[in-house]
């Protein structure tokens, strides 16, 4: 009697390093208030008994992942600030404003806002 060949990739085994990382993530979730002490202890036992990656994934399935990129406020538009500084310096050196530089700085700033979106407002 022959057994059917497995479909899909073979399950990957985990080692002590992966178990330790999972334990650290669970401790961070406990510190953030997502897990009670009893839940943490129960999940830690499951992590130490885990043999395959799927076992570890099941322990953390209902918790948010830290791998997801977090939406942060974009940095200042460096090109617009550089053009604005150039416009100010050239205005001082020449003795009168140079409107195209100020307009260009404004257009670059608007383009960067459109590309990165408006700043993220945080609720207090």
PDB file of N, CA and C in Angstrom:
ATOM      1  N   UNK A   1       0.835  -1.165   0.000  1.00  0.00           N
ATOM      2  CA  UNK A   1       0.000   0.000   0.000  1.00  0.00           C
ATOM      3  C   UNK A   1       0.887   1.236   0.000  1.00  0.00           C
ATOM      4  N   UNK A   2       0.633   2.130  -0.931  1.00  0.00           N
ATOM      5  CA  UNK A   2       1.449   3.333  -1.026  1.00  0.00           C
ATOM      6  C   UNK A   2       0.679   4.514  -0.471  1.00  0.00           C
ATOM      7  N   UNK A   3       1.408   5.413   0.153  1.00  0.00           N
ATOM      8  CA  UNK A   3       0.758   6.618   0.682  1.00  0.00           C
ATOM      9  C   UNK A   3       0.806   7.709  -0.371  1.00  0.00           C
ATOM     10  N   UNK A   4      -0.196   8.556  -0.325  1.00  0.00           N
ATOM     11  CA  UNK A   4      -0.238   9.665  -1.286  1.00  0.00           C
ATOM     12  C   UNK A   4       0.842  10.682  -0.961  1.00  0.00           C
ATOM     13  N   UNK A   5       1.460  11.250  -1.975  1.00  0.00           N
ATOM     14  CA  UNK A   5       2.463  12.288  -1.699  1.00  0.00           C
ATOM     15  C   UNK A   5       1.770  13.533  -1.145  1.00  0.00           C
ATOM     16  N   UNK A   6       2.445  14.206  -0.256  1.00  0.00           N
ATOM     17  CA  UNK A   6       1.909  15.434   0.332  1.00  0.00           C
ATOM     18  C   UNK A   6       1.845  16.535  -0.697  1.00  0.00           C
ATOM     19  N   UNK A   7       0.811  17.318  -0.603  1.00  0.00           N
ATOM     20  CA  UNK A   7       0.689  18.485  -1.466  1.00  0.00           C
ATOM     21  C   UNK A   7       1.112  19.715  -0.664  1.00  0.00           C
ATOM     22  N   UNK A   8       1.809  20.621  -1.325  1.00  0.00           N
ATOM     23  CA  UNK A   8       2.252  21.841  -0.657  1.00  0.00           C
ATOM     24  C   UNK A   8       3.579  21.624   0.044  1.00  0.00           C
ATOM     25  N   UNK A   9       4.087  22.681   0.632  1.00  0.00           N
ATOM     26  CA  UNK A   9       5.389  22.577   1.293  1.00  0.00           C
ATOM     27  C   UNK A   9       5.287  21.795   2.599  1.00  0.00           C
ATOM     28  N   UNK A  10       6.360  21.146   2.931  1.00  0.00           N
ATOM     29  CA  UNK A  10       6.427  20.399   4.185  1.00  0.00           C
ATOM     30  C   UNK A  10       6.479  21.391   5.343  1.00  0.00           C
ATOM     31  N   UNK A  11       5.873  21.044   6.483  1.00  0.00           N
ATOM     32  CA  UNK A  11       5.914  21.961   7.628  1.00  0.00           C
ATOM     33  C   UNK A  11       7.349  22.126   8.133  1.00  0.00           C
ATOM     34  N   UNK A  12       7.674  23.346   8.511  1.00  0.00           N
ATOM     35  CA  UNK A  12       9.028  23.633   8.989  1.00  0.00           C
ATOM     36  C   UNK A  12       9.082  23.530  10.511  1.00  0.00           C
ATOM     37  N   UNK A  13      10.122  22.908  10.980  1.00  0.00           N
ATOM     38  CA  UNK A  13      10.308  22.768  12.423  1.00  0.00           C
ATOM     39  C   UNK A  13      10.916  24.055  12.977  1.00  0.00           C
ATOM     40  N   UNK A  14      10.632  24.341  14.239  1.00  0.00           N
ATOM     41  CA  UNK A  14      11.185  25.526  14.893  1.00  0.00           C
ATOM     42  C   UNK A  14      12.218  25.097  15.917  1.00  0.00           C
ATOM     43  N   UNK A  15      13.105  26.020  16.227  1.00  0.00           N
ATOM     44  CA  UNK A  15      14.145  25.751  17.208  1.00  0.00           C
ATOM     45  C   UNK A  15      13.984  26.625  18.441  1.00  0.00           C
ATOM     46  N   UNK A  16      14.974  26.553  19.308  1.00  0.00           N
ATOM     47  CA  UNK A  16      14.938  27.326  20.551  1.00  0.00           C
ATOM     48  C   UNK A  16      14.893  28.828  20.294  1.00  0.00           C
ATOM     49  N   UNK A  17      15.596  29.262  19.256  1.00  0.00           N
ATOM     50  CA  UNK A  17      15.636  30.697  18.943  1.00  0.00           C
ATOM     51  C   UNK A  17      14.245  31.213  18.586  1.00  0.00           C
ATOM     52  N   UNK A  18      13.536  30.486  17.737  1.00  0.00           N
ATOM     53  CA  UNK A  18      12.187  30.900  17.338  1.00  0.00           C
ATOM     54  C   UNK A  18      11.228  30.874  18.526  1.00  0.00           C
ATOM     55  N   UNK A  19      11.376  29.860  19.402  1.00  0.00           N
ATOM     56  CA  UNK A  19      10.526  29.790  20.594  1.00  0.00           C
ATOM     57  C   UNK A  19      10.806  30.971  21.526  1.00  0.00           C
ATOM     58  N   UNK A  20      12.078  31.333  21.663  1.00  0.00           N
ATOM     59  CA  UNK A  20      12.431  32.467  22.526  1.00  0.00           C
ATOM     60  C   UNK A  20      11.869  33.771  21.965  1.00  0.00           C
ATOM     61  N   UNK A  21      11.935  33.943  20.649  1.00  0.00           N
ATOM     62  CA  UNK A  21      11.370  35.155  20.040  1.00  0.00           C
ATOM     63  C   UNK A  21       9.861  35.225  20.258  1.00  0.00           C
ATOM     64  N   UNK A  22       9.176  34.104  20.102  1.00  0.00           N
ATOM     65  CA  UNK A  22       7.725  34.073  20.323  1.00  0.00           C
ATOM     66  C   UNK A  22       7.404  34.391  21.775  1.00  0.00           C
ATOM     67  N   UNK A  23       8.202  33.872  22.700  1.00  0.00           N
ATOM     68  CA  UNK A  23       7.991  34.167  24.120  1.00  0.00           C
ATOM     69  C   UNK A  23       8.163  35.653  24.410  1.00  0.00           C
ATOM     70  N   UNK A  24       9.159  36.276  23.791  1.00  0.00           N
ATOM     71  CA  UNK A  24       9.380  37.709  23.978  1.00  0.00           C
ATOM     72  C   UNK A  24       8.204  38.520  23.427  1.00  0.00           C
ATOM     73  N   UNK A  25       7.677  38.105  22.273  1.00  0.00           N
ATOM     74  CA  UNK A  25       6.525  38.812  21.702  1.00  0.00           C
ATOM     75  C   UNK A  25       5.307  38.679  22.604  1.00  0.00           C
ATOM     76  N   UNK A  26       5.103  37.482  23.171  1.00  0.00           N
ATOM     77  CA  UNK A  26       3.979  37.289  24.083  1.00  0.00           C
ATOM     78  C   UNK A  26       4.141  38.150  25.337  1.00  0.00           C
ATOM     79  N   UNK A  27       5.354  38.244  25.847  1.00  0.00           N
ATOM     80  CA  UNK A  27       5.597  39.083  27.021  1.00  0.00           C
ATOM     81  C   UNK A  27       5.296  40.553  26.707  1.00  0.00           C
ATOM     82  N   UNK A  28       5.632  40.984  25.490  1.00  0.00           N
ATOM     83  CA  UNK A  28       5.331  42.362  25.096  1.00  0.00           C
ATOM     84  C   UNK A  28       3.819  42.584  25.003  1.00  0.00           C
ATOM     85  N   UNK A  29       3.087  41.587  24.512  1.00  0.00           N
ATOM     86  CA  UNK A  29       1.631  41.703  24.452  1.00  0.00           C
ATOM     87  C   UNK A  29       1.037  41.738  25.859  1.00  0.00           C
ATOM     88  N   UNK A  30       1.620  40.974  26.783  1.00  0.00           N
ATOM     89  CA  UNK A  30       1.165  41.019  28.172  1.00  0.00           C
ATOM     90  C   UNK A  30       1.425  42.401  28.773  1.00  0.00           C
ATOM     91  N   UNK A  31       2.597  42.941  28.503  1.00  0.00           N
ATOM     92  CA  UNK A  31       2.940  44.272  29.020  1.00  0.00           C
ATOM     93  C   UNK A  31       2.026  45.345  28.448  1.00  0.00           C
ATOM     94  N   UNK A  32       1.545  45.141  27.210  1.00  0.00           N
ATOM     95  CA  UNK A  32       0.643  46.103  26.577  1.00  0.00           C
ATOM     96  C   UNK A  32      -0.798  45.917  27.044  1.00  0.00           C
ATOM     97  N   UNK A  33      -1.061  44.881  27.859  1.00  0.00           N
ATOM     98  CA  UNK A  33      -2.399  44.669  28.388  1.00  0.00           C
ATOM     99  C   UNK A  33      -3.292  43.828  27.496  1.00  0.00           C
ATOM    100  N   UNK A  34      -2.731  43.185  26.491  1.00  0.00           N
ATOM    101  CA  UNK A  34      -3.544  42.358  25.597  1.00  0.00           C
ATOM    102  C   UNK A  34      -3.771  40.954  26.141  1.00  0.00           C
ATOM    103  N   UNK A  35      -2.920  40.531  27.071  1.00  0.00           N
ATOM    104  CA  UNK A  35      -3.030  39.195  27.651  1.00  0.00           C
ATOM    105  C   UNK A  35      -3.011  39.293  29.172  1.00  0.00           C
ATOM    106  N   UNK A  36      -3.837  38.476  29.820  1.00  0.00           N
ATOM    107  CA  UNK A  36      -3.763  38.380  31.274  1.00  0.00           C
ATOM    108  C   UNK A  36      -2.582  37.489  31.630  1.00  0.00           C
ATOM    109  N   UNK A  37      -2.241  37.456  32.896  1.00  0.00           N
ATOM    110  CA  UNK A  37      -1.122  36.627  33.343  1.00  0.00           C
ATOM    111  C   UNK A  37      -1.410  35.148  33.075  1.00  0.00           C
ATOM    112  N   UNK A  38      -2.659  34.732  33.296  1.00  0.00           N
ATOM    113  CA  UNK A  38      -3.027  33.336  33.060  1.00  0.00           C
ATOM    114  C   UNK A  38      -2.909  32.991  31.567  1.00  0.00           C
ATOM    115  N   UNK A  39      -3.385  33.887  30.711  1.00  0.00           N
ATOM    116  CA  UNK A  39      -3.274  33.658  29.267  1.00  0.00           C
ATOM    117  C   UNK A  39      -1.812  33.596  28.836  1.00  0.00           C
ATOM    118  N   UNK A  40      -0.999  34.483  29.395  1.00  0.00           N
ATOM    119  CA  UNK A  40       0.430  34.493  29.065  1.00  0.00           C
ATOM    120  C   UNK A  40       1.073  33.163  29.444  1.00  0.00           C
ATOM    121  N   UNK A  41       0.804  32.681  30.658  1.00  0.00           N
ATOM    122  CA  UNK A  41       1.403  31.426  31.104  1.00  0.00           C
ATOM    123  C   UNK A  41       0.959  30.248  30.233  1.00  0.00           C
ATOM    124  N   UNK A  42      -0.344  30.219  29.894  1.00  0.00           N
ATOM    125  CA  UNK A  42      -0.857  29.136  29.059  1.00  0.00           C
ATOM    126  C   UNK A  42      -0.224  29.169  27.681  1.00  0.00           C
ATOM    127  N   UNK A  43      -0.084  30.353  27.102  1.00  0.00           N
ATOM    128  CA  UNK A  43       0.515  30.479  25.765  1.00  0.00           C
ATOM    129  C   UNK A  43       2.013  30.191  25.799  1.00  0.00           C
ATOM    130  N   UNK A  44       2.679  30.575  26.892  1.00  0.00           N
ATOM    131  CA  UNK A  44       4.114  30.273  27.013  1.00  0.00           C
ATOM    132  C   UNK A  44       4.338  28.756  27.014  1.00  0.00           C
ATOM    133  N   UNK A  45       3.439  28.022  27.692  1.00  0.00           N
ATOM    134  CA  UNK A  45       3.558  26.565  27.699  1.00  0.00           C
ATOM    135  C   UNK A  45       3.383  26.006  26.285  1.00  0.00           C
ATOM    136  N   UNK A  46       2.419  26.546  25.548  1.00  0.00           N
ATOM    137  CA  UNK A  46       2.201  26.101  24.168  1.00  0.00           C
ATOM    138  C   UNK A  46       3.393  26.436  23.281  1.00  0.00           C
ATOM    139  N   UNK A  47       4.029  27.603  23.532  1.00  0.00           N
ATOM    140  CA  UNK A  47       5.212  27.981  22.747  1.00  0.00           C
ATOM    141  C   UNK A  47       6.353  27.006  23.015  1.00  0.00           C
ATOM    142  N   UNK A  48       6.568  26.655  24.276  1.00  0.00           N
ATOM    143  CA  UNK A  48       7.669  25.743  24.606  1.00  0.00           C
ATOM    144  C   UNK A  48       7.425  24.348  24.048  1.00  0.00           C
ATOM    145  N   UNK A  49       6.141  23.980  23.855  1.00  0.00           N
ATOM    146  CA  UNK A  49       5.823  22.669  23.299  1.00  0.00           C
ATOM    147  C   UNK A  49       5.743  22.681  21.770  1.00  0.00           C
ATOM    148  N   UNK A  50       5.853  23.841  21.161  1.00  0.00           N
ATOM    149  CA  UNK A  50       5.701  23.958  19.703  1.00  0.00           C
ATOM    150  C   UNK A  50       6.824  23.219  18.979  1.00  0.00           C
ATOM    151  N   UNK A  51       6.443  22.526  17.919  1.00  0.00           N
ATOM    152  CA  UNK A  51       7.412  21.790  17.106  1.00  0.00           C
ATOM    153  C   UNK A  51       7.524  22.421  15.725  1.00  0.00           C
ATOM    154  N   UNK A  52       6.385  22.878  15.191  1.00  0.00           N
ATOM    155  CA  UNK A  52       6.340  23.436  13.840  1.00  0.00           C
ATOM    156  C   UNK A  52       5.967  24.913  13.868  1.00  0.00           C
ATOM    157  N   UNK A  53       6.278  25.599  12.768  1.00  0.00           N
ATOM    158  CA  UNK A  53       5.932  27.021  12.653  1.00  0.00           C
ATOM    159  C   UNK A  53       4.442  27.258  12.835  1.00  0.00           C
ATOM    160  N   UNK A  54       3.623  26.353  12.344  1.00  0.00           N
ATOM    161  CA  UNK A  54       2.173  26.502  12.474  1.00  0.00           C
ATOM    162  C   UNK A  54       1.749  26.500  13.938  1.00  0.00           C
ATOM    163  N   UNK A  55       2.468  25.760  14.788  1.00  0.00           N
ATOM    164  CA  UNK A  55       2.153  25.743  16.220  1.00  0.00           C
ATOM    165  C   UNK A  55       2.374  27.120  16.831  1.00  0.00           C
ATOM    166  N   UNK A  56       3.491  27.757  16.455  1.00  0.00           N
ATOM    167  CA  UNK A  56       3.771  29.101  16.969  1.00  0.00           C
ATOM    168  C   UNK A  56       2.778  30.117  16.413  1.00  0.00           C
ATOM    169  N   UNK A  57       2.446  29.987  15.144  1.00  0.00           N
ATOM    170  CA  UNK A  57       1.500  30.925  14.529  1.00  0.00           C
ATOM    171  C   UNK A  57       0.143  30.837  15.198  1.00  0.00           C
ATOM    172  N   UNK A  58      -0.267  29.631  15.586  1.00  0.00           N
ATOM    173  CA  UNK A  58      -1.571  29.461  16.232  1.00  0.00           C
ATOM    174  C   UNK A  58      -1.610  30.148  17.596  1.00  0.00           C
ATOM    175  N   UNK A  59      -0.486  30.173  18.295  1.00  0.00           N
ATOM    176  CA  UNK A  59      -0.431  30.807  19.619  1.00  0.00           C
ATOM    177  C   UNK A  59      -0.638  32.320  19.507  1.00  0.00           C
ATOM    178  N   UNK A  60      -0.147  32.920  18.416  1.00  0.00           N
ATOM    179  CA  UNK A  60      -0.214  34.372  18.251  1.00  0.00           C
ATOM    180  C   UNK A  60      -1.249  34.822  17.221  1.00  0.00           C
ATOM    181  N   UNK A  61      -2.119  33.930  16.793  1.00  0.00           N
ATOM    182  CA  UNK A  61      -3.039  34.240  15.695  1.00  0.00           C
ATOM    183  C   UNK A  61      -3.990  35.393  16.002  1.00  0.00           C
ATOM    184  N   UNK A  62      -4.425  35.528  17.257  1.00  0.00           N
ATOM    185  CA  UNK A  62      -5.400  36.570  17.589  1.00  0.00           C
ATOM    186  C   UNK A  62      -4.760  37.852  18.131  1.00  0.00           C
ATOM    187  N   UNK A  63      -3.446  37.955  18.009  1.00  0.00           N
ATOM    188  CA  UNK A  63      -2.724  39.138  18.487  1.00  0.00           C
ATOM    189  C   UNK A  63      -2.206  39.949  17.307  1.00  0.00           C
ATOM    190  N   UNK A  64      -2.132  41.286  17.462  1.00  0.00           N
ATOM    191  CA  UNK A  64      -1.602  42.093  16.353  1.00  0.00           C
ATOM    192  C   UNK A  64      -0.130  41.799  16.116  1.00  0.00           C
ATOM    193  N   UNK A  65       0.244  41.830  14.864  1.00  0.00           N
ATOM    194  CA  UNK A  65       1.620  41.552  14.474  1.00  0.00           C
ATOM    195  C   UNK A  65       2.429  42.831  14.479  1.00  0.00           C
ATOM    196  N   UNK A  66       3.653  42.742  14.945  1.00  0.00           N
ATOM    197  CA  UNK A  66       4.530  43.916  14.920  1.00  0.00           C
ATOM    198  C   UNK A  66       5.231  44.040  13.583  1.00  0.00           C
ATOM    199  N   UNK A  67       5.018  43.061  12.673  1.00  0.00           N
ATOM    200  CA  UNK A  67       5.645  43.111  11.359  1.00  0.00           C
ATOM    201  C   UNK A  67       4.955  44.097  10.433  1.00  0.00           C
ATOM    202  N   UNK A  68       3.699  44.430  10.733  1.00  0.00           N
ATOM    203  CA  UNK A  68       2.976  45.343   9.857  1.00  0.00           C
ATOM    204  C   UNK A  68       3.568  46.736   9.953  1.00  0.00           C
ATOM    205  N   UNK A  69       3.708  47.400   8.833  1.00  0.00           N
ATOM    206  CA  UNK A  69       4.236  48.763   8.888  1.00  0.00           C
ATOM    207  C   UNK A  69       3.240  49.680   9.579  1.00  0.00           C
ATOM    208  N   UNK A  70       3.739  50.528  10.425  1.00  0.00           N
ATOM    209  CA  UNK A  70       2.889  51.477  11.123  1.00  0.00           C
ATOM    210  C   UNK A  70       2.838  52.777  10.345  1.00  0.00           C
ATOM    211  N   UNK A  71       1.673  53.368  10.309  1.00  0.00           N
ATOM    212  CA  UNK A  71       1.523  54.636   9.601  1.00  0.00           C
ATOM    213  C   UNK A  71       2.083  55.742  10.483  1.00  0.00           C
ATOM    214  N   UNK A  72       3.074  56.393   9.973  1.00  0.00           N
ATOM    215  CA  UNK A  72       3.694  57.478  10.727  1.00  0.00           C
ATOM    216  C   UNK A  72       3.593  58.759   9.924  1.00  0.00           C
ATOM    217  N   UNK A  73       3.828  59.832  10.612  1.00  0.00           N
ATOM    218  CA  UNK A  73       3.783  61.125   9.956  1.00  0.00           C
ATOM    219  C   UNK A  73       4.994  61.251   9.040  1.00  0.00           C
ATOM    220  N   UNK A  74       4.774  61.652   7.797  1.00  0.00           N
ATOM    221  CA  UNK A  74       5.923  61.794   6.902  1.00  0.00           C
ATOM    222  C   UNK A  74       6.833  62.926   7.369  1.00  0.00           C
ATOM    223  N   UNK A  75       8.090  62.815   7.023  1.00  0.00           N
ATOM    224  CA  UNK A  75       9.043  63.844   7.394  1.00  0.00           C
ATOM    225  C   UNK A  75       8.807  65.127   6.625  1.00  0.00           C
ATOM    226  N   UNK A  76       9.520  66.170   6.987  1.00  0.00           N
ATOM    227  CA  UNK A  76       9.339  67.439   6.285  1.00  0.00           C
ATOM    228  C   UNK A  76       9.809  67.314   4.840  1.00  0.00           C
ATOM    229  N   UNK A  77       9.162  68.041   3.953  1.00  0.00           N
ATOM    230  CA  UNK A  77       9.593  67.991   2.552  1.00  0.00           C
ATOM    231  C   UNK A  77      10.930  68.707   2.403  1.00  0.00           C
ATOM    232  N   UNK A  78      11.989  67.942   2.364  1.00  0.00           N
ATOM    233  CA  UNK A  78      13.344  68.489   2.377  1.00  0.00           C
ATOM    234  C   UNK A  78      13.599  69.381   1.166  1.00  0.00           C
ATOM    235  N   UNK A  79      13.150  68.966  -0.007  1.00  0.00           N
ATOM    236  CA  UNK A  79      13.393  69.763  -1.215  1.00  0.00           C
ATOM    237  C   UNK A  79      12.702  71.122  -1.112  1.00  0.00           C
ATOM    238  N   UNK A  80      11.482  71.144  -0.580  1.00  0.00           N
ATOM    239  CA  UNK A  80      10.762  72.411  -0.440  1.00  0.00           C
ATOM    240  C   UNK A  80      11.462  73.318   0.565  1.00  0.00           C
ATOM    241  N   UNK A  81      11.937  72.736   1.657  1.00  0.00           N
ATOM    242  CA  UNK A  81      12.655  73.543   2.658  1.00  0.00           C
ATOM    243  C   UNK A  81      13.967  74.084   2.095  1.00  0.00           C
ATOM    244  N   UNK A  82      14.658  73.279   1.298  1.00  0.00           N
ATOM    245  CA  UNK A  82      15.912  73.736   0.692  1.00  0.00           C
ATOM    246  C   UNK A  82      15.651  74.886  -0.288  1.00  0.00           C
ATOM    247  N   UNK A  83      14.590  74.751  -1.098  1.00  0.00           N
ATOM    248  CA  UNK A  83      14.258  75.838  -2.033  1.00  0.00           C
ATOM    249  C   UNK A  83      13.828  77.101  -1.298  1.00  0.00           C
ATOM    250  N   UNK A  84      13.091  76.931  -0.203  1.00  0.00           N
ATOM    251  CA  UNK A  84      12.682  78.092   0.582  1.00  0.00           C
ATOM    252  C   UNK A  84      13.906  78.789   1.187  1.00  0.00           C
ATOM    253  N   UNK A  85      14.858  78.024   1.701  1.00  0.00           N
ATOM    254  CA  UNK A  85      16.079  78.607   2.253  1.00  0.00           C
ATOM    255  C   UNK A  85      16.867  79.329   1.159  1.00  0.00           C
ATOM    256  N   UNK A  86      16.947  78.719  -0.029  1.00  0.00           N
ATOM    257  CA  UNK A  86      17.628  79.363  -1.156  1.00  0.00           C
ATOM    258  C   UNK A  86      16.934  80.672  -1.533  1.00  0.00           C
ATOM    259  N   UNK A  87      15.607  80.661  -1.541  1.00  0.00           N
ATOM    260  CA  UNK A  87      14.852  81.874  -1.880  1.00  0.00           C
ATOM    261  C   UNK A  87      15.105  82.981  -0.868  1.00  0.00           C
ATOM    262  N   UNK A  88      15.151  82.634   0.406  1.00  0.00           N
ATOM    263  CA  UNK A  88      15.391  83.646   1.447  1.00  0.00           C
ATOM    264  C   UNK A  88      16.803  84.203   1.345  1.00  0.00           C
ATOM    265  N   UNK A  89      17.786  83.308   1.173  1.00  0.00           N
ATOM    266  CA  UNK A  89      19.180  83.762   1.070  1.00  0.00           C
ATOM    267  C   UNK A  89      19.367  84.636  -0.163  1.00  0.00           C
ATOM    268  N   UNK A  90      18.797  84.218  -1.297  1.00  0.00           N
ATOM    269  CA  UNK A  90      18.960  85.017  -2.515  1.00  0.00           C
ATOM    270  C   UNK A  90      18.226  86.355  -2.400  1.00  0.00           C
ATOM    271  N   UNK A  91      17.110  86.391  -1.687  1.00  0.00           N
ATOM    272  CA  UNK A  91      16.401  87.650  -1.470  1.00  0.00           C
ATOM    273  C   UNK A  91      17.266  88.608  -0.659  1.00  0.00           C
ATOM    274  N   UNK A  92      17.930  88.109   0.346  1.00  0.00           N
ATOM    275  CA  UNK A  92      18.786  88.954   1.178  1.00  0.00           C
ATOM    276  C   UNK A  92      19.988  89.436   0.363  1.00  0.00           C
ATOM    277  N   UNK A  93      20.596  88.547  -0.415  1.00  0.00           N
ATOM    278  CA  UNK A  93      21.774  88.932  -1.188  1.00  0.00           C
ATOM    279  C   UNK A  93      21.442  89.923  -2.303  1.00  0.00           C
ATOM    280  N   UNK A  94      20.326  89.707  -2.991  1.00  0.00           N
ATOM    281  CA  UNK A  94      19.955  90.558  -4.126  1.00  0.00           C
ATOM    282  C   UNK A  94      19.308  91.854  -3.647  1.00  0.00           C
ATOM    283  N   UNK A  95      18.608  91.785  -2.531  1.00  0.00           N
ATOM    284  CA  UNK A  95      17.961  92.988  -2.018  1.00  0.00           C
ATOM    285  C   UNK A  95      16.487  93.088  -2.372  1.00  0.00           C
ATOM    286  N   UNK A  96      15.967  92.140  -3.121  1.00  0.00           N
ATOM    287  CA  UNK A  96      14.529  92.122  -3.435  1.00  0.00           C
ATOM    288  C   UNK A  96      14.101  90.662  -3.613  1.00  0.00           C
ATOM    289  N   UNK A  97      12.817  90.362  -3.409  1.00  0.00           N
ATOM    290  CA  UNK A  97      12.362  88.973  -3.524  1.00  0.00           C
ATOM    291  C   UNK A  97      12.472  88.440  -4.951  1.00  0.00           C
ATOM    292  N   UNK A  98      12.712  87.156  -5.054  1.00  0.00           N
ATOM    293  CA  UNK A  98      12.750  86.481  -6.347  1.00  0.00           C
ATOM    294  C   UNK A  98      11.548  85.514  -6.355  1.00  0.00           C
ATOM    295  N   UNK A  99      10.404  85.987  -6.880  1.00  0.00           N
ATOM    296  CA  UNK A  99       9.158  85.207  -6.791  1.00  0.00           C
ATOM    297  C   UNK A  99       9.229  83.789  -7.356  1.00  0.00           C
ATOM    298  N   UNK A 100       9.916  83.533  -8.457  1.00  0.00           N
ATOM    299  CA  UNK A 100       9.904  82.149  -8.964  1.00  0.00           C
ATOM    300  C   UNK A 100      10.432  81.127  -7.955  1.00  0.00           C
ATOM    301  N   UNK A 101      11.422  81.502  -7.164  1.00  0.00           N
ATOM    302  CA  UNK A 101      11.949  80.553  -6.174  1.00  0.00           C
ATOM    303  C   UNK A 101      10.913  80.266  -5.086  1.00  0.00           C
ATOM    304  N   UNK A 102      10.203  81.303  -4.628  1.00  0.00           N
ATOM    305  CA  UNK A 102       9.171  81.093  -3.619  1.00  0.00           C
ATOM    306  C   UNK A 102       8.020  80.257  -4.195  1.00  0.00           C
ATOM    307  N   UNK A 103       7.640  80.521  -5.428  1.00  0.00           N
ATOM    308  CA  UNK A 103       6.576  79.749  -6.068  1.00  0.00           C
ATOM    309  C   UNK A 103       7.001  78.292  -6.255  1.00  0.00           C
ATOM    310  N   UNK A 104       8.236  78.094  -6.672  1.00  0.00           N
ATOM    311  CA  UNK A 104       8.736  76.738  -6.866  1.00  0.00           C
ATOM    312  C   UNK A 104       8.759  75.973  -5.536  1.00  0.00           C
ATOM    313  N   UNK A 105       9.181  76.636  -4.468  1.00  0.00           N
ATOM    314  CA  UNK A 105       9.197  75.990  -3.145  1.00  0.00           C
ATOM    315  C   UNK A 105       7.776  75.592  -2.745  1.00  0.00           C
ATOM    316  N   UNK A 106       6.818  76.467  -3.002  1.00  0.00           N
ATOM    317  CA  UNK A 106       5.424  76.150  -2.681  1.00  0.00           C
ATOM    318  C   UNK A 106       4.890  74.988  -3.500  1.00  0.00           C
ATOM    319  N   UNK A 107       5.228  74.941  -4.778  1.00  0.00           N
ATOM    320  CA  UNK A 107       4.767  73.844  -5.625  1.00  0.00           C
ATOM    321  C   UNK A 107       5.383  72.510  -5.206  1.00  0.00           C
ATOM    322  N   UNK A 108       6.656  72.530  -4.849  1.00  0.00           N
ATOM    323  CA  UNK A 108       7.314  71.308  -4.386  1.00  0.00           C
ATOM    324  C   UNK A 108       6.675  70.833  -3.084  1.00  0.00           C
ATOM    325  N   UNK A 109       6.352  71.775  -2.196  1.00  0.00           N
ATOM    326  CA  UNK A 109       5.695  71.414  -0.933  1.00  0.00           C
ATOM    327  C   UNK A 109       4.329  70.791  -1.198  1.00  0.00           C
ATOM    328  N   UNK A 110       3.539  71.394  -2.100  1.00  0.00           N
ATOM    329  CA  UNK A 110       2.220  70.841  -2.428  1.00  0.00           C
ATOM    330  C   UNK A 110       2.335  69.447  -3.051  1.00  0.00           C
ATOM    331  N   UNK A 111       3.314  69.271  -3.912  1.00  0.00           N
ATOM    332  CA  UNK A 111       3.503  67.960  -4.535  1.00  0.00           C
ATOM    333  C   UNK A 111       3.874  66.904  -3.495  1.00  0.00           C
ATOM    334  N   UNK A 112       4.680  67.266  -2.522  1.00  0.00           N
ATOM    335  CA  UNK A 112       5.062  66.292  -1.492  1.00  0.00           C
ATOM    336  C   UNK A 112       3.878  65.960  -0.594  1.00  0.00           C
ATOM    337  N   UNK A 113       3.003  66.933  -0.328  1.00  0.00           N
ATOM    338  CA  UNK A 113       1.801  66.648   0.471  1.00  0.00           C
ATOM    339  C   UNK A 113       0.873  65.700  -0.274  1.00  0.00           C
ATOM    340  N   UNK A 114       0.745  65.898  -1.562  1.00  0.00           N
ATOM    341  CA  UNK A 114      -0.124  65.033  -2.356  1.00  0.00           C
ATOM    342  C   UNK A 114       0.449  63.614  -2.396  1.00  0.00           C
ATOM    343  N   UNK A 115       1.757  63.509  -2.470  1.00  0.00           N
ATOM    344  CA  UNK A 115       2.390  62.195  -2.564  1.00  0.00           C
ATOM    345  C   UNK A 115       2.306  61.432  -1.245  1.00  0.00           C
ATOM    346  N   UNK A 116       2.581  62.105  -0.131  1.00  0.00           N
ATOM    347  CA  UNK A 116       2.627  61.437   1.164  1.00  0.00           C
ATOM    348  C   UNK A 116       1.342  61.568   1.957  1.00  0.00           C
ATOM    349  N   UNK A 117       0.435  62.411   1.525  1.00  0.00           N
ATOM    350  CA  UNK A 117      -0.825  62.589   2.242  1.00  0.00           C
ATOM    351  C   UNK A 117      -0.691  63.613   3.350  1.00  0.00           C
ATOM    352  N   UNK A 118      -1.822  64.014   3.917  1.00  0.00           N
ATOM    353  CA  UNK A 118      -1.780  64.993   4.997  1.00  0.00           C
ATOM    354  C   UNK A 118      -1.181  64.377   6.255  1.00  0.00           C
ATOM    355  N   UNK A 119      -0.708  65.208   7.167  1.00  0.00           N
ATOM    356  CA  UNK A 119      -0.135  64.684   8.392  1.00  0.00           C
ATOM    357  C   UNK A 119      -1.175  63.903   9.187  1.00  0.00           C
ATOM    358  N   UNK A 120      -0.721  62.885   9.905  1.00  0.00           N
ATOM    359  CA  UNK A 120      -1.601  62.071  10.715  1.00  0.00           C
ATOM    360  C   UNK A 120      -1.876  62.798  12.020  1.00  0.00           C
ATOM    361  N   UNK A 121      -3.160  62.946  12.354  1.00  0.00           N
ATOM    362  CA  UNK A 121      -3.519  63.594  13.615  1.00  0.00           C
ATOM    363  C   UNK A 121      -3.677  62.527  14.672  1.00  0.00           C
ATOM    364  N   UNK A 122      -3.039  62.785  15.797  1.00  0.00           N
ATOM    365  CA  UNK A 122      -3.128  61.844  16.903  1.00  0.00           C
ATOM    366  C   UNK A 122      -4.088  62.392  17.931  1.00  0.00           C
ATOM    367  N   UNK A 123      -4.960  61.527  18.435  1.00  0.00           N
ATOM    368  CA  UNK A 123      -5.904  61.983  19.453  1.00  0.00           C
ATOM    369  C   UNK A 123      -5.193  61.968  20.798  1.00  0.00           C
ATOM    370  N   UNK A 124      -5.498  62.976  21.597  1.00  0.00           N
ATOM    371  CA  UNK A 124      -4.830  63.092  22.892  1.00  0.00           C
ATOM    372  C   UNK A 124      -5.535  62.327  23.972  1.00  0.00           C
TER     373      UNK A 124
END
